[in-house]
């Protein structure tokens, strides 16, 4: 198989085998971070414990624009235990880190052979569908490229500068400079007020 970009050699060799044990991983950096993987076994990877949700997952097509257009993605986790309903609803913060991963497990479904971050952005929307004992969570993410089209609202004032860099006096006199008369070159100069 050729044309695979930036894959770990172990993951690439596992993909090329006749039998593959894939999983989807979802990380949302909420106050109580979510590390969820599809399947029935909780796995440890990169110092984090990824909780098995026991169900399947679905990731919408992840597009890549050549024109610099921003792309979003939606991931759906099915059969999530209903005990997580309130946690997801209470903590969902728009704009927090949102990452999607794909990986492969060994024959025992416990050890990660390879792991790949396939999308990184920010949480935009979430939807919880309650089915009684389980819930279906759909989390939509937006690309960080969307900020390219949003105006950057910055004020070049001392207050703004102090908020960002406390103690910096670079904009201390900006407000008083608005009232300073500027003497332009002319034949007869009037004294400033």
Protein backbone atom coordinates (compact mmCIF):
# COMPACT_ATOMS: atom_id res chain seq x y z
CA UNK A 1 0.00 0.00 0.00
CA UNK A 2 1.53 3.31 -0.99
CA UNK A 3 0.55 6.94 -0.57
CA UNK A 4 -0.08 6.78 3.18
CA UNK A 5 1.15 9.99 4.72
CA UNK A 6 3.10 10.20 7.96
CA UNK A 7 2.07 6.83 9.37
CA UNK A 8 4.01 5.12 12.07
CA UNK A 9 5.84 2.16 10.42
CA UNK A 10 4.20 -0.27 12.86
CA UNK A 11 0.73 1.02 12.00
CA UNK A 12 1.47 0.96 8.28
CA UNK A 13 2.66 -2.66 8.40
CA UNK A 14 -0.44 -3.61 10.44
CA UNK A 15 -2.72 -2.00 7.85
CA UNK A 16 -1.05 -4.00 5.09
CA UNK A 17 -1.80 -7.33 6.83
CA UNK A 18 -4.82 -9.42 5.89
CA UNK A 19 -6.39 -9.03 9.36
CA UNK A 20 -6.78 -5.67 11.05
CA UNK A 21 -8.18 -4.76 14.48
CA UNK A 22 -8.88 -1.03 14.15
CA UNK A 23 -10.32 1.40 16.65
CA UNK A 24 -11.40 5.03 16.68
CA UNK A 25 -10.28 7.35 19.44
CA UNK A 26 -11.82 10.63 20.51
CA UNK A 27 -10.18 13.16 22.81
CA UNK A 28 -12.09 16.24 23.96
CA UNK A 29 -10.22 18.45 26.41
CA UNK A 30 -13.09 19.22 28.78
CA UNK A 31 -12.48 20.10 32.46
CA UNK A 32 -12.73 16.33 33.01
CA UNK A 33 -11.03 15.22 29.74
CA UNK A 34 -12.68 12.64 27.52
CA UNK A 35 -10.46 9.85 26.18
CA UNK A 36 -12.78 7.37 24.50
CA UNK A 37 -12.15 4.47 22.13
CA UNK A 38 -14.47 2.15 20.31
CA UNK A 39 -14.46 -1.47 21.39
CA UNK A 40 -14.73 -3.43 24.63
CA UNK A 41 -11.27 -3.02 26.15
CA UNK A 42 -9.88 0.03 27.89
CA UNK A 43 -6.41 0.77 26.57
CA UNK A 44 -3.44 2.76 27.83
CA UNK A 45 -1.60 4.89 25.36
CA UNK A 46 0.70 7.91 25.69
CA UNK A 47 0.21 8.00 29.43
CA UNK A 48 -3.58 8.25 29.20
CA UNK A 49 -6.27 5.69 29.89
CA UNK A 50 -8.66 5.53 26.94
CA UNK A 51 -12.05 4.30 28.13
CA UNK A 52 -13.82 1.73 25.99
CA UNK A 53 -17.36 2.79 25.24
CA UNK A 54 -18.36 -0.70 24.14
CA UNK A 55 -20.06 0.55 21.03
CA UNK A 56 -19.19 1.61 17.57
CA UNK A 57 -18.20 4.96 16.33
CA UNK A 58 -18.59 6.90 13.14
CA UNK A 59 -16.50 9.71 11.73
CA UNK A 60 -17.78 11.84 8.87
CA UNK A 61 -15.53 12.28 5.89
CA UNK A 62 -12.63 14.49 6.79
CA UNK A 63 -12.04 16.85 3.93
CA UNK A 64 -8.93 18.73 3.05
CA UNK A 65 -9.28 21.88 1.01
CA UNK A 66 -6.55 23.00 -1.33
CA UNK A 67 -8.01 26.50 -1.47
CA UNK A 68 -7.49 27.11 2.24
CA UNK A 69 -11.17 26.61 3.05
CA UNK A 70 -11.90 25.45 6.55
CA UNK A 71 -13.35 22.02 7.15
CA UNK A 72 -15.31 20.60 10.03
CA UNK A 73 -15.94 17.05 11.14
CA UNK A 74 -18.47 15.14 13.21
CA UNK A 75 -17.77 12.07 15.29
CA UNK A 76 -20.56 9.93 16.67
CA UNK A 77 -20.15 7.46 19.51
CA UNK A 78 -22.94 4.91 19.85
CA UNK A 79 -23.94 2.88 22.92
CA UNK A 80 -22.23 5.15 25.45
CA UNK A 81 -23.41 4.23 28.97
CA UNK A 82 -26.10 6.68 30.09
CA UNK A 83 -24.17 7.46 33.29
CA UNK A 84 -22.03 9.85 31.19
CA UNK A 85 -25.03 11.90 29.97
CA UNK A 86 -24.82 14.61 32.63
CA UNK A 87 -21.01 14.78 32.49
CA UNK A 88 -21.05 15.47 28.77
CA UNK A 89 -23.90 17.97 28.97
CA UNK A 90 -22.46 19.91 31.93
CA UNK A 91 -18.87 20.13 30.73
CA UNK A 92 -19.17 20.70 27.00
CA UNK A 93 -17.31 23.92 26.33
CA UNK A 94 -17.31 25.31 22.84
CA UNK A 95 -13.78 25.96 21.62
CA UNK A 96 -11.93 23.31 23.65
CA UNK A 97 -9.42 20.98 21.99
CA UNK A 98 -11.02 18.21 19.91
CA UNK A 99 -8.96 15.39 18.36
CA UNK A 100 -9.78 12.25 16.41
CA UNK A 101 -7.49 9.24 16.20
CA UNK A 102 -7.39 5.94 14.40
CA UNK A 103 -5.30 3.01 15.50
CA UNK A 104 -4.75 -0.73 15.46
CA UNK A 105 -4.66 -3.21 18.32
CA UNK A 106 -2.86 -6.52 18.80
CA UNK A 107 -4.62 -9.90 18.67
CA UNK A 108 -5.57 -9.64 22.35
CA UNK A 109 -7.25 -6.25 21.80
CA UNK A 110 -5.22 -4.77 24.69
CA UNK A 111 -2.00 -3.31 23.30
CA UNK A 112 -1.81 -0.51 20.78
CA UNK A 113 0.29 -1.33 17.73
CA UNK A 114 -0.12 2.04 16.05
CA UNK A 115 -1.94 5.29 16.64
CA UNK A 116 -2.50 8.26 14.31
CA UNK A 117 -4.06 11.67 14.93
CA UNK A 118 -6.28 12.19 11.89
CA UNK A 119 -7.93 15.49 12.80
CA UNK A 120 -7.36 18.29 15.28
CA UNK A 121 -9.60 21.26 15.87
CA UNK A 122 -12.00 22.69 18.40
CA UNK A 123 -15.34 21.52 19.75
CA UNK A 124 -18.14 23.37 18.00
CA UNK A 125 -21.38 21.50 18.69
CA UNK A 126 -22.57 18.42 20.52
CA UNK A 127 -25.80 16.47 20.50
CA UNK A 128 -26.92 13.80 22.95
CA UNK A 129 -29.59 11.32 21.90
CA UNK A 130 -30.94 9.44 24.92
CA UNK A 131 -32.02 5.85 24.27
CA UNK A 132 -32.60 4.85 27.90
CA UNK A 133 -29.69 2.70 29.04
CA UNK A 134 -27.32 4.14 26.46
CA UNK A 135 -26.81 7.47 24.76
CA UNK A 136 -25.49 8.47 21.37
CA UNK A 137 -23.14 11.44 21.43
CA UNK A 138 -22.40 13.39 18.28
CA UNK A 139 -19.64 15.96 18.66
CA UNK A 140 -18.91 18.40 15.87
CA UNK A 141 -15.56 20.06 15.53
CA UNK A 142 -14.42 23.06 13.58
CA UNK A 143 -11.06 23.56 12.02
CA UNK A 144 -8.74 26.17 13.46
CA UNK A 145 -8.52 27.55 9.91
CA UNK A 146 -11.94 29.19 10.41
CA UNK A 147 -10.18 31.86 12.44
CA UNK A 148 -8.56 33.12 9.25
CA UNK A 149 -11.88 34.64 8.21
CA UNK A 150 -12.85 35.98 11.63
CA UNK A 151 -11.82 39.52 12.43
CA UNK A 152 -9.26 39.83 15.18
CA UNK A 153 -10.71 42.27 17.67
CA UNK A 154 -7.77 43.93 19.35
CA UNK A 155 -7.63 47.32 20.96
CA UNK A 156 -4.34 49.15 20.99
CA UNK A 157 -4.90 50.62 24.43
CA UNK A 158 -3.06 50.46 27.71
CA UNK A 159 -5.91 48.44 29.23
CA UNK A 160 -5.68 45.80 26.47
CA UNK A 161 -1.89 45.63 26.73
CA UNK A 162 -2.00 45.27 30.53
CA UNK A 163 -4.51 42.44 30.19
CA UNK A 164 -2.25 40.54 27.84
CA UNK A 165 1.18 41.61 29.21
CA UNK A 166 0.90 42.91 32.79
CA UNK A 167 3.51 45.54 33.55
CA UNK A 168 4.26 46.44 29.92
CA UNK A 169 4.08 50.21 29.42
CA UNK A 170 4.21 50.20 25.60
CA UNK A 171 0.69 51.66 25.19
CA UNK A 172 0.67 53.86 28.29
CA UNK A 173 0.42 57.15 26.37
CA UNK A 174 -1.66 56.07 23.38
CA UNK A 175 -4.91 57.63 24.66
CA UNK A 176 -3.27 61.01 25.32
CA UNK A 177 -1.66 61.02 21.86
CA UNK A 178 -5.09 61.42 20.26
CA UNK A 179 -5.25 65.00 21.55
CA UNK A 180 -1.71 66.05 20.57
CA UNK A 181 -1.69 68.58 17.71
CA UNK A 182 0.64 67.77 14.87
CA UNK A 183 2.46 70.69 13.31
CA UNK A 184 2.65 70.27 9.57
CA UNK A 185 5.20 72.22 7.59
CA UNK A 186 3.76 75.48 6.29
CA UNK A 187 4.95 79.03 5.64
CA UNK A 188 3.84 80.42 9.00
CA UNK A 189 3.77 78.28 12.14
CA UNK A 190 1.15 78.85 14.83
CA UNK A 191 2.25 77.99 18.35
CA UNK A 192 0.58 74.86 19.80
CA UNK A 193 -2.17 75.38 22.37
